[in-house]
């Protein structure tokens, strides 16, 4: 009874700030079971499939404006990664190779074969692992404003003092942030923005409530703790099968990764187009959604 009540309260709390995250009419939600996890996924539209993968500090909700545009002529699939949003939070499996398996299971359940992949932040890492292992399933790849463990200038990236959170985790850290999730997440939204005010109060409340769910911060820390294994896996993909050959769009925020995103991807792929979202830091869908959507749509149209 207590568990049911907690679930109901969570649903009410999370839904209280959902306005700007509503997906268009016609989108449905479902849960796909993949081995040890239940993946929450939104699906809508009709046409060639496109998969949108979110990163840390957000959930699949970040893609609502892009999904609305792409659904006019695409089947749009938007999961929450394991441990985040409304997906379940298993004890392990936060390496990106395992999460690529989650993605494959979602697509299999939806009977989708080939797909374009668009990703941001941690989603980049899951997307790369998926495409590297399933090269026959991806038609194109868009990666936005985050590095790939083990690829290109990874060791230099790790030296950036802003990225101390890559090594932050464990039971004591969970205790430190318990009940203070908003304080912890505000640091990301503020420091990685060109204009922090563009990450709205509504969005901050929405995501803070989702990350305050039981086990959510532990799962978030686990995403970063897996980077060492991810680096090993990523290097192995390239060593064993060579660089990716599909069209890749490497996009950085002007005041964040910028052109470095293309430097990263040229170490992993042979057909890379560089793009920069103007007047934006890391949070491209909050800081300059119109330009981000236009850039992604143009690339997908060119590489159907």
Protein backbone atom coordinates (compact mmCIF):
# COMPACT_ATOMS: atom_id res chain seq x y z
CA UNK A 1 0.00 0.00 0.00
CA UNK A 2 2.83 2.40 0.88
CA UNK A 3 4.57 1.62 -2.44
CA UNK A 4 1.36 2.31 -4.39
CA UNK A 5 0.83 5.62 -2.55
CA UNK A 6 4.41 6.68 -3.26
CA UNK A 7 3.94 5.91 -6.94
CA UNK A 8 0.73 7.95 -7.09
CA UNK A 9 2.36 10.90 -5.36
CA UNK A 10 5.29 10.72 -7.78
CA UNK A 11 2.94 10.78 -10.77
CA UNK A 12 1.07 13.80 -9.40
CA UNK A 13 4.28 15.65 -8.58
CA UNK A 14 5.98 14.95 -11.90
CA UNK A 15 2.86 15.83 -13.87
CA UNK A 16 2.50 19.22 -12.18
CA UNK A 17 5.07 20.83 -14.46
CA UNK A 18 4.59 18.79 -17.62
CA UNK A 19 3.06 21.50 -19.86
CA UNK A 20 6.06 22.35 -22.01
CA UNK A 21 7.00 18.68 -22.24
CA UNK A 22 3.75 17.43 -23.75
CA UNK A 23 4.23 15.48 -26.95
CA UNK A 24 1.85 16.10 -29.86
CA UNK A 25 -1.55 14.46 -30.14
CA UNK A 26 -1.08 11.04 -31.65
CA UNK A 27 1.99 10.13 -29.63
CA UNK A 28 1.54 7.11 -27.39
CA UNK A 29 3.60 5.84 -24.46
CA UNK A 30 4.49 2.29 -23.61
CA UNK A 31 6.93 0.29 -21.53
CA UNK A 32 9.29 -2.11 -23.28
CA UNK A 33 10.92 -4.84 -21.20
CA UNK A 34 14.57 -5.49 -22.09
CA UNK A 35 16.21 -8.18 -19.94
CA UNK A 36 16.57 -6.44 -16.55
CA UNK A 37 14.91 -3.09 -17.31
CA UNK A 38 11.62 -1.54 -18.37
CA UNK A 39 12.17 1.29 -20.83
CA UNK A 40 9.58 4.06 -20.99
CA UNK A 41 9.15 5.14 -24.61
CA UNK A 42 7.05 7.66 -26.55
CA UNK A 43 6.15 6.90 -30.18
CA UNK A 44 4.38 9.00 -32.79
CA UNK A 45 4.28 10.12 -36.40
CA UNK A 46 4.61 8.19 -39.63
CA UNK A 47 7.45 7.67 -42.09
CA UNK A 48 11.15 6.80 -41.82
CA UNK A 49 12.08 6.11 -38.21
CA UNK A 50 14.16 8.48 -36.11
CA UNK A 51 15.35 7.70 -32.58
CA UNK A 52 15.95 10.57 -30.12
CA UNK A 53 18.24 9.86 -27.15
CA UNK A 54 18.55 12.28 -24.23
CA UNK A 55 21.35 12.88 -21.74
CA UNK A 56 21.96 13.49 -18.03
CA UNK A 57 20.04 16.24 -16.25
CA UNK A 58 17.08 15.72 -18.59
CA UNK A 59 14.91 12.87 -19.92
CA UNK A 60 13.26 12.09 -23.25
CA UNK A 61 10.95 15.02 -22.45
CA UNK A 62 13.68 17.38 -23.73
CA UNK A 63 12.85 16.32 -27.29
CA UNK A 64 9.15 17.31 -27.28
CA UNK A 65 9.63 20.36 -29.60
CA UNK A 66 11.78 18.38 -32.04
CA UNK A 67 9.41 15.40 -31.96
CA UNK A 68 6.54 17.71 -32.89
CA UNK A 69 8.39 18.83 -36.01
CA UNK A 70 9.80 15.47 -37.07
CA UNK A 71 6.54 13.57 -36.56
CA UNK A 72 5.07 15.31 -39.61
CA UNK A 73 7.02 12.91 -41.85
CA UNK A 74 8.90 10.52 -39.52
CA UNK A 75 8.07 7.81 -37.03
CA UNK A 76 9.64 9.31 -33.90
CA UNK A 77 10.82 7.08 -31.04
CA UNK A 78 11.81 8.75 -27.76
CA UNK A 79 12.88 6.49 -24.87
CA UNK A 80 14.06 7.38 -21.39
CA UNK A 81 17.45 5.75 -20.85
CA UNK A 82 17.66 3.12 -18.14
CA UNK A 83 17.68 4.63 -14.68
CA UNK A 84 16.34 7.99 -15.85
CA UNK A 85 12.92 9.53 -16.31
CA UNK A 86 10.14 6.96 -16.12
CA UNK A 87 12.28 3.97 -17.05
CA UNK A 88 13.12 1.52 -14.28
CA UNK A 89 16.32 1.74 -12.27
CA UNK A 90 18.07 -1.64 -12.11
CA UNK A 91 21.14 -2.18 -9.98
CA UNK A 92 23.53 -2.25 -12.94
CA UNK A 93 23.89 -2.14 -16.69
CA UNK A 94 24.84 1.53 -17.04
CA UNK A 95 27.70 0.88 -19.41
CA UNK A 96 26.67 2.16 -22.83
CA UNK A 97 27.11 -1.21 -24.54
CA UNK A 98 24.34 -2.62 -22.35
CA UNK A 99 22.18 0.45 -22.94
CA UNK A 100 22.65 0.03 -26.69
CA UNK A 101 21.02 -3.36 -26.13
CA UNK A 102 18.09 -1.58 -24.47
CA UNK A 103 17.75 0.59 -27.59
CA UNK A 104 17.80 -2.44 -29.88
CA UNK A 105 15.11 -4.10 -27.75
CA UNK A 106 12.89 -1.03 -28.01
CA UNK A 107 13.23 -0.94 -31.79
CA UNK A 108 12.59 -4.67 -32.02
CA UNK A 109 9.44 -4.34 -29.91
CA UNK A 110 8.23 -1.58 -32.24
CA UNK A 111 9.15 -3.68 -35.31
CA UNK A 112 11.50 -0.97 -36.55
CA UNK A 113 14.47 -2.11 -38.59
CA UNK A 114 16.53 0.82 -39.87
CA UNK A 115 16.58 4.14 -38.05
CA UNK A 116 18.24 7.55 -37.99
CA UNK A 117 19.68 8.33 -34.56
CA UNK A 118 19.79 11.78 -32.92
CA UNK A 119 21.45 12.11 -29.51
CA UNK A 120 22.64 14.60 -26.90
CA UNK A 121 25.05 14.31 -23.95
CA UNK A 122 25.04 10.77 -22.45
CA UNK A 123 22.73 9.88 -25.31
CA UNK A 124 25.71 10.37 -27.67
CA UNK A 125 27.53 7.56 -25.92
CA UNK A 126 24.58 5.18 -26.08
CA UNK A 127 23.97 6.14 -29.72
CA UNK A 128 27.59 5.47 -30.67
CA UNK A 129 27.55 2.07 -28.95
CA UNK A 130 24.31 1.19 -30.73
CA UNK A 131 25.46 2.29 -34.18
CA UNK A 132 28.91 0.69 -33.78
CA UNK A 133 27.33 -2.67 -32.93
CA UNK A 134 24.39 -2.45 -35.37
CA UNK A 135 25.89 -0.78 -38.42
CA UNK A 136 23.25 -2.23 -40.70
CA UNK A 137 20.39 -0.66 -38.70
CA UNK A 138 21.41 3.01 -38.59
CA UNK A 139 20.88 5.24 -41.63
CA UNK A 140 22.54 8.34 -40.15
CA UNK A 141 23.76 9.67 -36.80
CA UNK A 142 23.52 13.09 -35.16
CA UNK A 143 25.57 13.61 -31.98
CA UNK A 144 25.24 16.82 -30.00
CA UNK A 145 27.64 18.43 -27.53
CA UNK A 146 29.30 15.68 -25.52
CA UNK A 147 32.45 13.54 -25.89
CA UNK A 148 32.75 9.80 -26.44
CA UNK A 149 34.71 7.85 -23.83
CA UNK A 150 37.99 6.64 -25.25
CA UNK A 151 37.57 8.40 -28.59
CA UNK A 152 39.62 11.31 -29.97
CA UNK A 153 40.63 13.91 -27.35
CA UNK A 154 39.04 11.98 -24.47
CA UNK A 155 42.06 12.19 -22.16
CA UNK A 156 42.24 15.97 -22.62
CA UNK A 157 38.51 16.28 -21.98
CA UNK A 158 38.94 14.48 -18.66
CA UNK A 159 41.35 17.20 -17.46
CA UNK A 160 38.65 19.90 -17.61
CA UNK A 161 37.87 20.91 -13.98
CA UNK A 162 34.23 21.55 -14.91
CA UNK A 163 33.84 17.79 -15.34
CA UNK A 164 34.60 16.79 -11.76
CA UNK A 165 31.22 15.06 -11.67
CA UNK A 166 32.59 12.27 -13.90
CA UNK A 167 34.16 10.81 -10.73
CA UNK A 168 31.44 11.82 -8.28
CA UNK A 169 29.30 8.98 -6.96
CA UNK A 170 28.83 6.24 -4.43
CA UNK A 171 26.73 5.90 -1.26
CA UNK A 172 28.19 8.94 0.52
CA UNK A 173 27.55 11.17 -2.49
CA UNK A 174 24.00 9.85 -2.71
CA UNK A 175 23.50 10.89 0.92
CA UNK A 176 24.95 14.33 0.21
CA UNK A 177 22.45 15.07 -2.56
CA UNK A 178 19.40 13.32 -1.05
CA UNK A 179 16.71 15.99 -0.76
CA UNK A 180 19.03 18.45 -2.50
CA UNK A 181 18.68 17.18 -6.06
CA UNK A 182 17.66 20.61 -7.34
CA UNK A 183 20.84 22.20 -5.91
CA UNK A 184 23.02 19.56 -7.56
CA UNK A 185 21.28 19.78 -10.93
CA UNK A 186 21.18 23.60 -10.95
CA UNK A 187 24.95 23.48 -11.08
CA UNK A 188 24.80 21.62 -14.42
CA UNK A 189 22.07 23.78 -15.89
CA UNK A 190 23.83 27.02 -14.90
CA UNK A 191 27.49 26.24 -15.57
CA UNK A 192 26.91 24.51 -18.89
CA UNK A 193 24.54 27.18 -20.26
CA UNK A 194 25.51 30.22 -22.28
CA UNK A 195 22.40 31.87 -20.82
CA UNK A 196 21.18 30.03 -17.70
CA UNK A 197 17.84 31.86 -17.68
CA UNK A 198 16.87 30.00 -20.85
CA UNK A 199 16.74 26.79 -18.85
CA UNK A 200 13.33 27.68 -17.47
CA UNK A 201 12.11 27.36 -13.90
CA UNK A 202 9.39 25.06 -15.19
CA UNK A 203 12.01 22.75 -16.71
CA UNK A 204 14.15 22.84 -13.57
CA UNK A 205 11.24 21.83 -11.37
CA UNK A 206 10.13 19.14 -13.81
CA UNK A 207 13.52 17.43 -14.05
CA UNK A 208 14.38 17.91 -10.36
CA UNK A 209 11.24 16.00 -9.42
CA UNK A 210 12.07 13.17 -11.81
CA UNK A 211 15.64 12.91 -10.49
CA UNK A 212 14.37 12.94 -6.89
CA UNK A 213 12.58 9.64 -7.43
CA UNK A 214 13.98 6.75 -5.35
CA UNK A 215 17.18 5.44 -6.91
CA UNK A 216 17.33 8.06 -9.65
CA UNK A 217 20.45 9.85 -8.45
CA UNK A 218 22.21 6.52 -7.87
CA UNK A 219 21.40 5.55 -11.46
CA UNK A 220 22.61 8.93 -12.71
CA UNK A 221 25.94 8.57 -10.92
CA UNK A 222 26.24 5.07 -12.41
CA UNK A 223 26.08 6.53 -15.93
CA UNK A 224 29.36 8.35 -15.24
CA UNK A 225 30.96 5.55 -13.23
CA UNK A 226 30.73 3.36 -16.34
CA UNK A 227 32.94 5.65 -18.45
CA UNK A 228 36.11 3.58 -17.96
CA UNK A 229 34.38 0.50 -19.35
CA UNK A 230 32.74 2.59 -22.06
CA UNK A 231 36.20 3.79 -23.19
CA UNK A 232 37.40 0.20 -23.49
CA UNK A 233 34.32 -0.77 -25.47
CA UNK A 234 34.43 2.26 -27.76
CA UNK A 235 38.07 1.68 -28.69
CA UNK A 236 37.27 -1.98 -29.38
CA UNK A 237 34.46 -1.09 -31.81
CA UNK A 238 36.87 0.92 -33.94
CA UNK A 239 39.74 -1.56 -33.63
CA UNK A 240 37.58 -4.50 -34.64
CA UNK A 241 35.36 -3.03 -37.37
CA UNK A 242 36.93 0.31 -38.31
CA UNK A 243 35.40 3.77 -38.34
CA UNK A 244 31.69 4.30 -38.89
CA UNK A 245 30.85 4.83 -42.56
CA UNK A 246 27.32 6.26 -42.29
CA UNK A 247 26.68 10.04 -42.50
CA UNK A 248 27.40 11.69 -39.14
CA UNK A 249 26.43 15.22 -38.10
CA UNK A 250 28.60 16.42 -35.19
CA UNK A 251 26.96 19.43 -33.56
CA UNK A 252 28.35 21.52 -30.72
CA UNK A 253 26.87 24.45 -28.87
CA UNK A 254 28.69 27.66 -29.88
CA UNK A 255 29.64 28.37 -26.27
CA UNK A 256 30.22 24.76 -25.29
CA UNK A 257 31.80 21.99 -27.40
CA UNK A 258 31.51 23.94 -30.64
CA UNK A 259 33.71 22.53 -33.41
CA UNK A 260 35.36 20.09 -30.97
CA UNK A 261 32.37 17.81 -31.46
CA UNK A 262 33.49 17.26 -35.05
CA UNK A 263 37.06 16.60 -33.89
CA UNK A 264 35.74 13.85 -31.62
CA UNK A 265 33.66 12.23 -34.33
CA UNK A 266 36.34 12.33 -37.02
CA UNK A 267 38.31 9.98 -34.79
CA UNK A 268 35.41 7.50 -35.00
CA UNK A 269 33.71 8.09 -38.35
CA UNK A 270 34.73 8.75 -41.95
CA UNK A 271 31.78 10.84 -43.17
CA UNK A 272 31.42 13.70 -40.68
CA UNK A 273 29.68 17.03 -41.18
CA UNK A 274 30.42 19.77 -38.64
CA UNK A 275 27.68 21.96 -37.18
CA UNK A 276 27.50 24.62 -34.47
CA UNK A 277 24.31 25.80 -32.76
CA UNK A 278 24.69 29.58 -32.46
CA UNK A 279 24.04 31.46 -29.24
CA UNK A 280 23.89 28.28 -27.18
CA UNK A 281 25.79 26.43 -24.53
CA UNK A 282 25.32 22.73 -23.81
CA UNK A 283 21.52 22.76 -23.40
CA UNK A 284 20.68 23.20 -27.08
CA UNK A 285 16.95 22.39 -26.83
CA UNK A 286 16.47 24.99 -24.10
CA UNK A 287 18.84 27.67 -25.36
CA UNK A 288 18.21 27.60 -29.11
CA UNK A 289 15.60 24.98 -29.97
CA UNK A 290 14.52 26.56 -33.25
CA UNK A 291 18.00 26.45 -34.77
CA UNK A 292 18.71 23.00 -33.36
CA UNK A 293 15.54 21.54 -34.85
CA UNK A 294 16.21 23.21 -38.21
CA UNK A 295 19.76 21.85 -38.36
CA UNK A 296 18.74 18.30 -37.46
CA UNK A 297 15.77 18.27 -39.84
CA UNK A 298 17.89 19.51 -42.75
CA UNK A 299 20.47 16.78 -42.13
CA UNK A 300 17.84 14.04 -41.88
CA UNK A 301 16.19 15.23 -45.10
CA UNK A 302 19.53 15.12 -46.91
CA UNK A 303 20.33 11.63 -45.64
CA UNK A 304 17.04 9.76 -45.84
